Amino acid sequence: MNNNNLDPSEIEKEILQNKYKRLLYNPNIFIHILTSIITCLVSFVVVIGITNYIYPLLSFNFVELLLYVLLYSVSVQIIKILIIRFLLKYILTAYPFILLVVKILCLYLASMLFENIIYKTVSTFIVFLILLLFSNLLIDYIYNNIRHYFKKQ
């Protein structure tokens, strides 16, 4: 397409659409989802391990917890892809807030699906959520630094 005949807003829109199409139709999207599931699982293990040592925030069955983590991480990734696909202009203005709301809702709805995963109180759910988001951020940061280190070599 010839960019000389388009106004600047159309060019910007086309550039953004191409950028997000490359993200959505990336052949490595399954690897991204797999690493997201693994980092989410590690985050859950870290948070549950630390909090159960200090004060147990939730009671759980191991198998249901594993399914809970899988459901949570896959649902967050699917909703994130759908948000990128259909709400492109809102991503640029309030994306971190939208993603935070998606994570909170997915965690709450996933906990409602499993009977043996019970948070003690609402405040323990909020503390667990904050610790989970912080540990997930930290583990993603470490993973990205390791990945970029090995990419350079």
N, C-alpha and C. Protein backbone atom coordinates (compact mmCIF):
# COMPACT_ATOMS: atom_id res chain seq x y z
N MET A 1 0.84 -1.17 0.00
CA MET A 1 0.00 0.00 0.00
C MET A 1 0.89 1.24 0.00
N ASN A 2 0.51 2.23 -0.74
CA ASN A 2 1.26 3.46 -0.84
C ASN A 2 0.91 4.37 0.33
N ASN A 3 1.91 4.69 1.15
CA ASN A 3 1.67 5.51 2.33
C ASN A 3 1.61 7.00 2.03
N ASN A 4 1.98 7.40 0.82
CA ASN A 4 1.97 8.82 0.48
C ASN A 4 0.55 9.35 0.33
N ASN A 5 -0.41 8.52 0.00
CA ASN A 5 -1.78 8.97 -0.21
C ASN A 5 -2.62 8.95 1.07
N LEU A 6 -2.09 8.43 2.16
CA LEU A 6 -2.85 8.32 3.40
C LEU A 6 -2.53 9.48 4.34
N ASP A 7 -3.47 9.85 5.18
CA ASP A 7 -3.18 10.87 6.19
C ASP A 7 -2.44 10.21 7.35
N PRO A 8 -1.80 11.00 8.20
CA PRO A 8 -0.96 10.42 9.26
C PRO A 8 -1.71 9.51 10.23
N SER A 9 -2.96 9.79 10.52
CA SER A 9 -3.70 8.94 11.45
C SER A 9 -3.94 7.55 10.85
N GLU A 10 -4.17 7.48 9.56
CA GLU A 10 -4.36 6.18 8.91
C GLU A 10 -3.06 5.39 8.88
N ILE A 11 -1.96 6.08 8.68
CA ILE A 11 -0.65 5.40 8.69
C ILE A 11 -0.37 4.84 10.08
N GLU A 12 -0.63 5.64 11.11
CA GLU A 12 -0.42 5.19 12.49
C GLU A 12 -1.31 3.99 12.81
N LYS A 13 -2.55 4.04 12.37
CA LYS A 13 -3.47 2.94 12.61
C LYS A 13 -2.99 1.67 11.91
N GLU A 14 -2.50 1.81 10.69
CA GLU A 14 -2.00 0.65 9.95
C GLU A 14 -0.77 0.06 10.62
N ILE A 15 0.11 0.91 11.12
CA ILE A 15 1.31 0.43 11.81
C ILE A 15 0.92 -0.35 13.07
N LEU A 16 -0.03 0.18 13.85
CA LEU A 16 -0.47 -0.51 15.06
C LEU A 16 -1.15 -1.84 14.74
N GLN A 17 -1.96 -1.86 13.71
CA GLN A 17 -2.63 -3.10 13.34
C GLN A 17 -1.61 -4.15 12.90
N ASN A 18 -0.60 -3.75 12.16
CA ASN A 18 0.43 -4.70 11.74
C ASN A 18 1.23 -5.22 12.92
N LYS A 19 1.50 -4.33 13.89
CA LYS A 19 2.25 -4.74 15.08
C LYS A 19 1.49 -5.80 15.87
N TYR A 20 0.20 -5.58 16.09
CA TYR A 20 -0.56 -6.53 16.89
C TYR A 20 -0.93 -7.77 16.10
N LYS A 21 -1.02 -7.68 14.78
CA LYS A 21 -1.23 -8.89 13.98
C LYS A 21 -0.02 -9.80 14.09
N ARG A 22 1.17 -9.20 14.10
CA ARG A 22 2.38 -10.01 14.27
C ARG A 22 2.39 -10.68 15.63
N LEU A 23 1.87 -10.01 16.64
CA LEU A 23 1.80 -10.60 17.97
C LEU A 23 0.78 -11.74 18.02
N LEU A 24 -0.38 -11.53 17.42
CA LEU A 24 -1.44 -12.54 17.47
C LEU A 24 -1.13 -13.76 16.62
N TYR A 25 -0.52 -13.55 15.48
CA TYR A 25 -0.26 -14.66 14.57
C TYR A 25 1.20 -15.11 14.62
N ASN A 26 1.81 -14.90 15.75
CA ASN A 26 3.18 -15.30 15.96
C ASN A 26 3.26 -16.84 16.04
N PRO A 27 4.18 -17.46 15.30
CA PRO A 27 4.28 -18.92 15.38
C PRO A 27 4.75 -19.41 16.75
N ASN A 28 5.32 -18.54 17.55
CA ASN A 28 5.80 -18.92 18.88
C ASN A 28 4.77 -18.63 19.97
N ILE A 29 3.52 -18.42 19.62
CA ILE A 29 2.51 -18.07 20.61
C ILE A 29 2.29 -19.21 21.60
N PHE A 30 2.41 -20.44 21.15
CA PHE A 30 2.24 -21.58 22.07
C PHE A 30 3.40 -21.68 23.04
N ILE A 31 4.59 -21.33 22.60
CA ILE A 31 5.73 -21.29 23.51
C ILE A 31 5.53 -20.19 24.54
N HIS A 32 5.00 -19.06 24.10
CA HIS A 32 4.71 -17.96 25.02
C HIS A 32 3.67 -18.39 26.06
N ILE A 33 2.63 -19.07 25.63
CA ILE A 33 1.60 -19.53 26.56
C ILE A 33 2.17 -20.57 27.52
N LEU A 34 3.01 -21.45 27.02
CA LEU A 34 3.64 -22.47 27.87
C LEU A 34 4.55 -21.83 28.93
N THR A 35 5.37 -20.86 28.53
CA THR A 35 6.22 -20.19 29.51
C THR A 35 5.39 -19.38 30.50
N SER A 36 4.27 -18.85 30.03
CA SER A 36 3.38 -18.13 30.94
C SER A 36 2.79 -19.07 31.98
N ILE A 37 2.39 -20.26 31.56
CA ILE A 37 1.85 -21.25 32.50
C ILE A 37 2.92 -21.67 33.50
N ILE A 38 4.14 -21.87 33.04
CA ILE A 38 5.22 -22.28 33.93
C ILE A 38 5.54 -21.18 34.94
N THR A 39 5.64 -19.93 34.48
CA THR A 39 5.93 -18.84 35.41
C THR A 39 4.78 -18.63 36.40
N CYS A 40 3.57 -18.84 35.94
CA CYS A 40 2.41 -18.73 36.84
C CYS A 40 2.44 -19.84 37.88
N LEU A 41 2.78 -21.05 37.46
CA LEU A 41 2.88 -22.17 38.39
C LEU A 41 3.98 -21.93 39.42
N VAL A 42 5.11 -21.42 38.98
CA VAL A 42 6.20 -21.12 39.91
C VAL A 42 5.77 -20.01 40.88
N SER A 43 5.05 -19.02 40.38
CA SER A 43 4.56 -17.94 41.25
C SER A 43 3.62 -18.48 42.31
N PHE A 44 2.70 -19.36 41.91
CA PHE A 44 1.79 -19.95 42.88
C PHE A 44 2.55 -20.76 43.92
N VAL A 45 3.53 -21.54 43.48
CA VAL A 45 4.31 -22.36 44.41
C VAL A 45 5.06 -21.47 45.41
N VAL A 46 5.66 -20.40 44.92
CA VAL A 46 6.40 -19.49 45.79
C VAL A 46 5.47 -18.83 46.81
N VAL A 47 4.35 -18.30 46.34
CA VAL A 47 3.44 -17.60 47.24
C VAL A 47 2.82 -18.56 48.25
N ILE A 48 2.38 -19.72 47.80
CA ILE A 48 1.77 -20.69 48.73
C ILE A 48 2.80 -21.21 49.71
N GLY A 49 4.03 -21.46 49.24
CA GLY A 49 5.08 -21.94 50.13
C GLY A 49 5.43 -20.93 51.21
N ILE A 50 5.57 -19.68 50.83
CA ILE A 50 5.92 -18.65 51.82
C ILE A 50 4.75 -18.39 52.77
N THR A 51 3.56 -18.26 52.23
CA THR A 51 2.42 -17.92 53.10
C THR A 51 2.01 -19.08 54.00
N ASN A 52 2.13 -20.31 53.54
CA ASN A 52 1.78 -21.44 54.42
C ASN A 52 2.79 -21.60 55.55
N TYR A 53 4.00 -21.13 55.34
CA TYR A 53 4.99 -21.17 56.41
C TYR A 53 4.67 -20.13 57.48
N ILE A 54 4.22 -18.95 57.04
CA ILE A 54 3.92 -17.85 57.98
C ILE A 54 2.49 -17.97 58.50
N TYR A 55 1.52 -17.89 57.56
CA TYR A 55 0.10 -17.98 57.92
C TYR A 55 -0.63 -18.51 56.70
N PRO A 56 -1.29 -19.64 56.79
CA PRO A 56 -1.96 -20.21 55.61
C PRO A 56 -3.12 -19.32 55.14
N LEU A 57 -3.05 -18.89 53.88
CA LEU A 57 -4.08 -18.03 53.32
C LEU A 57 -5.22 -18.82 52.70
N LEU A 58 -4.91 -20.02 52.24
CA LEU A 58 -5.96 -20.81 51.62
C LEU A 58 -5.74 -22.28 51.91
N SER A 59 -6.84 -23.02 51.88
CA SER A 59 -6.76 -24.47 52.00
C SER A 59 -7.05 -25.05 50.62
N PHE A 60 -6.36 -26.13 50.29
CA PHE A 60 -6.46 -26.62 48.91
C PHE A 60 -6.16 -28.11 48.85
N ASN A 61 -6.60 -28.70 47.76
CA ASN A 61 -6.25 -30.05 47.35
C ASN A 61 -5.21 -29.89 46.25
N PHE A 62 -4.15 -30.70 46.26
CA PHE A 62 -3.03 -30.50 45.34
C PHE A 62 -3.46 -30.61 43.88
N VAL A 63 -4.25 -31.61 43.53
CA VAL A 63 -4.66 -31.80 42.13
C VAL A 63 -5.55 -30.65 41.68
N GLU A 64 -6.46 -30.24 42.54
CA GLU A 64 -7.32 -29.11 42.19
C GLU A 64 -6.53 -27.82 42.09
N LEU A 65 -5.50 -27.67 42.92
CA LEU A 65 -4.67 -26.48 42.83
C LEU A 65 -3.93 -26.44 41.50
N LEU A 66 -3.45 -27.57 41.05
CA LEU A 66 -2.77 -27.62 39.76
C LEU A 66 -3.73 -27.26 38.63
N LEU A 67 -4.94 -27.79 38.66
CA LEU A 67 -5.95 -27.42 37.66
C LEU A 67 -6.35 -25.96 37.78
N TYR A 68 -6.39 -25.46 38.99
CA TYR A 68 -6.70 -24.05 39.25
C TYR A 68 -5.66 -23.13 38.60
N VAL A 69 -4.39 -23.47 38.78
CA VAL A 69 -3.31 -22.67 38.19
C VAL A 69 -3.38 -22.74 36.67
N LEU A 70 -3.61 -23.92 36.12
CA LEU A 70 -3.71 -24.05 34.67
C LEU A 70 -4.89 -23.26 34.11
N LEU A 71 -6.04 -23.37 34.76
CA LEU A 71 -7.21 -22.63 34.31
C LEU A 71 -6.99 -21.13 34.40
N TYR A 72 -6.40 -20.69 35.50
CA TYR A 72 -6.14 -19.26 35.68
C TYR A 72 -5.18 -18.72 34.62
N SER A 73 -4.06 -19.39 34.41
CA SER A 73 -3.06 -18.86 33.48
C SER A 73 -3.53 -18.93 32.03
N VAL A 74 -4.20 -20.00 31.66
CA VAL A 74 -4.71 -20.09 30.29
C VAL A 74 -5.81 -19.07 30.04
N SER A 75 -6.70 -18.90 31.01
CA SER A 75 -7.79 -17.93 30.82
C SER A 75 -7.24 -16.51 30.74
N VAL A 76 -6.23 -16.18 31.53
CA VAL A 76 -5.63 -14.85 31.44
C VAL A 76 -5.01 -14.64 30.07
N GLN A 77 -4.32 -15.65 29.55
CA GLN A 77 -3.68 -15.50 28.24
C GLN A 77 -4.71 -15.38 27.12
N ILE A 78 -5.76 -16.16 27.18
CA ILE A 78 -6.80 -16.10 26.14
C ILE A 78 -7.50 -14.74 26.17
N ILE A 79 -7.84 -14.27 27.35
CA ILE A 79 -8.51 -12.97 27.45
C ILE A 79 -7.56 -11.85 27.03
N LYS A 80 -6.29 -11.98 27.35
CA LYS A 80 -5.30 -10.98 26.93
C LYS A 80 -5.21 -10.92 25.41
N ILE A 81 -5.21 -12.06 24.76
CA ILE A 81 -5.17 -12.09 23.29
C ILE A 81 -6.44 -11.49 22.70
N LEU A 82 -7.59 -11.79 23.31
CA LEU A 82 -8.85 -11.22 22.83
C LEU A 82 -8.90 -9.70 23.03
N ILE A 83 -8.37 -9.23 24.13
CA ILE A 83 -8.33 -7.79 24.37
C ILE A 83 -7.44 -7.12 23.33
N ILE A 84 -6.30 -7.71 23.06
CA ILE A 84 -5.41 -7.14 22.05
C ILE A 84 -6.08 -7.16 20.68
N ARG A 85 -6.81 -8.20 20.41
CA ARG A 85 -7.44 -8.36 19.10
C ARG A 85 -8.60 -7.38 18.88
N PHE A 86 -9.46 -7.22 19.87
CA PHE A 86 -10.69 -6.47 19.65
C PHE A 86 -10.72 -5.08 20.29
N LEU A 87 -9.89 -4.83 21.26
CA LEU A 87 -9.91 -3.53 21.93
C LEU A 87 -8.58 -2.82 21.78
N LEU A 88 -8.13 -2.71 20.56
CA LEU A 88 -6.80 -2.19 20.28
C LEU A 88 -6.60 -0.77 20.77
N LYS A 89 -7.56 0.11 20.55
CA LYS A 89 -7.35 1.51 20.94
C LYS A 89 -7.39 1.70 22.45
N TYR A 90 -8.09 0.82 23.18
CA TYR A 90 -8.13 0.93 24.64
C TYR A 90 -6.86 0.40 25.29
N ILE A 91 -6.17 -0.45 24.58
CA ILE A 91 -4.92 -0.99 25.10
C ILE A 91 -3.90 0.12 25.28
N LEU A 92 -3.87 1.04 24.33
CA LEU A 92 -2.87 2.10 24.36
C LEU A 92 -3.10 3.08 25.50
N THR A 93 -4.33 3.20 25.98
CA THR A 93 -4.61 4.17 27.04
C THR A 93 -4.62 3.55 28.43
N ALA A 94 -5.21 2.37 28.60
CA ALA A 94 -5.38 1.82 29.95
C ALA A 94 -5.06 0.34 30.02
N TYR A 95 -4.12 -0.13 29.25
CA TYR A 95 -3.83 -1.56 29.18
C TYR A 95 -3.43 -2.18 30.52
N PRO A 96 -2.52 -1.58 31.30
CA PRO A 96 -2.16 -2.25 32.56
C PRO A 96 -3.35 -2.39 33.50
N PHE A 97 -4.22 -1.41 33.53
CA PHE A 97 -5.39 -1.49 34.39
C PHE A 97 -6.35 -2.57 33.92
N ILE A 98 -6.55 -2.66 32.60
CA ILE A 98 -7.44 -3.68 32.04
C ILE A 98 -6.89 -5.07 32.36
N LEU A 99 -5.59 -5.25 32.21
CA LEU A 99 -4.99 -6.55 32.48
C LEU A 99 -5.07 -6.91 33.96
N LEU A 100 -4.93 -5.92 34.83
CA LEU A 100 -5.05 -6.17 36.26
C LEU A 100 -6.46 -6.63 36.61
N VAL A 101 -7.45 -5.99 36.05
CA VAL A 101 -8.85 -6.38 36.29
C VAL A 101 -9.09 -7.79 35.76
N VAL A 102 -8.54 -8.10 34.60
CA VAL A 102 -8.69 -9.45 34.02
C VAL A 102 -8.08 -10.49 34.94
N LYS A 103 -6.90 -10.21 35.48
CA LYS A 103 -6.25 -11.17 36.38
C LYS A 103 -7.05 -11.37 37.66
N ILE A 104 -7.58 -10.30 38.21
CA ILE A 104 -8.37 -10.41 39.43
C ILE A 104 -9.63 -11.23 39.17
N LEU A 105 -10.32 -10.93 38.08
CA LEU A 105 -11.55 -11.66 37.77
C LEU A 105 -11.27 -13.13 37.47
N CYS A 106 -10.21 -13.40 36.73
CA CYS A 106 -9.88 -14.81 36.41
C CYS A 106 -9.52 -15.58 37.67
N LEU A 107 -8.77 -14.96 38.58
CA LEU A 107 -8.41 -15.64 39.83
C LEU A 107 -9.65 -15.92 40.67
N TYR A 108 -10.53 -14.95 40.77
CA TYR A 108 -11.75 -15.12 41.56
C TYR A 108 -12.69 -16.15 40.93
N LEU A 109 -12.90 -16.06 39.62
CA LEU A 109 -13.80 -17.01 38.97
C LEU A 109 -13.24 -18.43 38.97
N ALA A 110 -11.93 -18.56 38.82
CA ALA A 110 -11.32 -19.89 38.87
C ALA A 110 -11.44 -20.48 40.27
N SER A 111 -11.33 -19.63 41.30
CA SER A 111 -11.46 -20.16 42.66
C SER A 111 -12.90 -20.57 42.96
N MET A 112 -13.87 -19.96 42.29
CA MET A 112 -15.26 -20.35 42.50
C MET A 112 -15.58 -21.70 41.86
N LEU A 113 -14.81 -22.10 40.84
CA LEU A 113 -15.08 -23.36 40.15
C LEU A 113 -14.62 -24.59 40.95
N PHE A 114 -13.66 -24.40 41.82
CA PHE A 114 -13.12 -25.52 42.58
C PHE A 114 -13.57 -25.44 44.03
N GLU A 115 -14.13 -26.53 44.52
CA GLU A 115 -14.70 -26.54 45.87
C GLU A 115 -13.64 -26.61 46.96
N ASN A 116 -12.54 -27.28 46.70
CA ASN A 116 -11.53 -27.49 47.74
C ASN A 116 -10.50 -26.37 47.84
N ILE A 117 -10.58 -25.37 47.00
CA ILE A 117 -9.69 -24.22 47.10
C ILE A 117 -10.49 -23.11 47.78
N ILE A 118 -10.17 -22.89 49.05
CA ILE A 118 -10.95 -21.98 49.87
C ILE A 118 -10.02 -20.95 50.50
N TYR A 119 -10.30 -19.68 50.23
CA TYR A 119 -9.57 -18.60 50.91
C TYR A 119 -10.22 -18.39 52.27
N LYS A 120 -9.41 -18.10 53.27
CA LYS A 120 -9.92 -17.96 54.64
C LYS A 120 -10.90 -16.79 54.74
N THR A 121 -10.49 -15.62 54.25
CA THR A 121 -11.35 -14.44 54.26
C THR A 121 -11.11 -13.66 52.96
N VAL A 122 -11.84 -12.58 52.81
CA VAL A 122 -11.65 -11.72 51.63
C VAL A 122 -10.28 -11.05 51.70
N SER A 123 -9.86 -10.67 52.88
CA SER A 123 -8.55 -10.03 53.01
C SER A 123 -7.42 -11.00 52.66
N THR A 124 -7.57 -12.29 52.96
CA THR A 124 -6.53 -13.24 52.56
C THR A 124 -6.50 -13.41 51.04
N PHE A 125 -7.66 -13.29 50.39
CA PHE A 125 -7.69 -13.32 48.92
C PHE A 125 -6.92 -12.13 48.35
N ILE A 126 -7.12 -10.96 48.93
CA ILE A 126 -6.44 -9.75 48.44
C ILE A 126 -4.94 -9.84 48.69
N VAL A 127 -4.54 -10.33 49.86
CA VAL A 127 -3.11 -10.49 50.15
C VAL A 127 -2.51 -11.52 49.21
N PHE A 128 -3.20 -12.63 48.98
CA PHE A 128 -2.72 -13.65 48.07
C PHE A 128 -2.58 -13.08 46.65
N LEU A 129 -3.56 -12.30 46.22
CA LEU A 129 -3.52 -11.69 44.90
C LEU A 129 -2.34 -10.75 44.75
N ILE A 130 -2.11 -9.90 45.72
CA ILE A 130 -0.99 -8.95 45.66
C ILE A 130 0.34 -9.70 45.63
N LEU A 131 0.48 -10.70 46.49
CA LEU A 131 1.72 -11.49 46.51
C LEU A 131 1.91 -12.25 45.20
N LEU A 132 0.81 -12.76 44.65
CA LEU A 132 0.89 -13.49 43.38
C LEU A 132 1.31 -12.57 42.24
N LEU A 133 0.71 -11.39 42.16
CA LEU A 133 1.07 -10.45 41.10
C LEU A 133 2.52 -9.99 41.24
N PHE A 134 2.95 -9.73 42.46
CA PHE A 134 4.33 -9.31 42.68
C PHE A 134 5.31 -10.42 42.31
N SER A 135 5.04 -11.63 42.76
CA SER A 135 5.96 -12.74 42.44
C SER A 135 5.95 -13.06 40.96
N ASN A 136 4.79 -12.95 40.31
CA ASN A 136 4.72 -13.18 38.88
C ASN A 136 5.53 -12.13 38.12
N LEU A 137 5.46 -10.89 38.56
CA LEU A 137 6.25 -9.82 37.95
C LEU A 137 7.73 -10.08 38.13
N LEU A 138 8.12 -10.50 39.31
CA LEU A 138 9.53 -10.77 39.60
C LEU A 138 10.04 -11.96 38.78
N ILE A 139 9.26 -13.01 38.69
CA ILE A 139 9.68 -14.18 37.93
C ILE A 139 9.72 -13.87 36.43
N ASP A 140 8.77 -13.09 35.92
CA ASP A 140 8.82 -12.67 34.52
C ASP A 140 10.06 -11.82 34.24
N TYR A 141 10.41 -10.95 35.17
CA TYR A 141 11.61 -10.12 35.01
C TYR A 141 12.86 -10.99 34.96
N ILE A 142 12.97 -11.95 35.85
CA ILE A 142 14.13 -12.85 35.87
C ILE A 142 14.18 -13.67 34.59
N TYR A 143 13.02 -14.21 34.16
CA TYR A 143 12.96 -15.01 32.94
C TYR A 143 13.38 -14.19 31.72
N ASN A 144 12.89 -12.96 31.61
CA ASN A 144 13.24 -12.12 30.46
C ASN A 144 14.72 -11.75 30.47
N ASN A 145 15.30 -11.51 31.63
CA ASN A 145 16.73 -11.22 31.69
C ASN A 145 17.56 -12.43 31.28
N ILE A 146 17.17 -13.61 31.71
CA ILE A 146 17.90 -14.82 31.31
C ILE A 146 17.76 -15.05 29.81
N ARG A 147 16.57 -14.85 29.29
CA ARG A 147 16.34 -15.05 27.85
C ARG A 147 17.17 -14.06 27.03
N HIS A 148 17.20 -12.80 27.42
CA HIS A 148 17.98 -11.81 26.68
C HIS A 148 19.48 -12.05 26.82
N TYR A 149 19.92 -12.57 27.96
CA TYR A 149 21.32 -12.89 28.14
C TYR A 149 21.76 -13.96 27.16
N PHE A 150 20.95 -15.02 27.01
CA PHE A 150 21.33 -16.09 26.11
C PHE A 150 21.09 -15.73 24.65
N LYS A 151 20.23 -14.76 24.39
CA LYS A 151 20.02 -14.31 23.02
C LYS A 151 21.22 -13.55 22.50
N LYS A 152 21.92 -12.83 23.39
CA LYS A 152 23.09 -12.05 23.00
C LYS A 152 24.25 -12.96 22.60
N GLN A 153 24.31 -14.14 23.18
CA GLN A 153 25.46 -15.02 22.92
C GLN A 153 25.23 -15.90 21.78
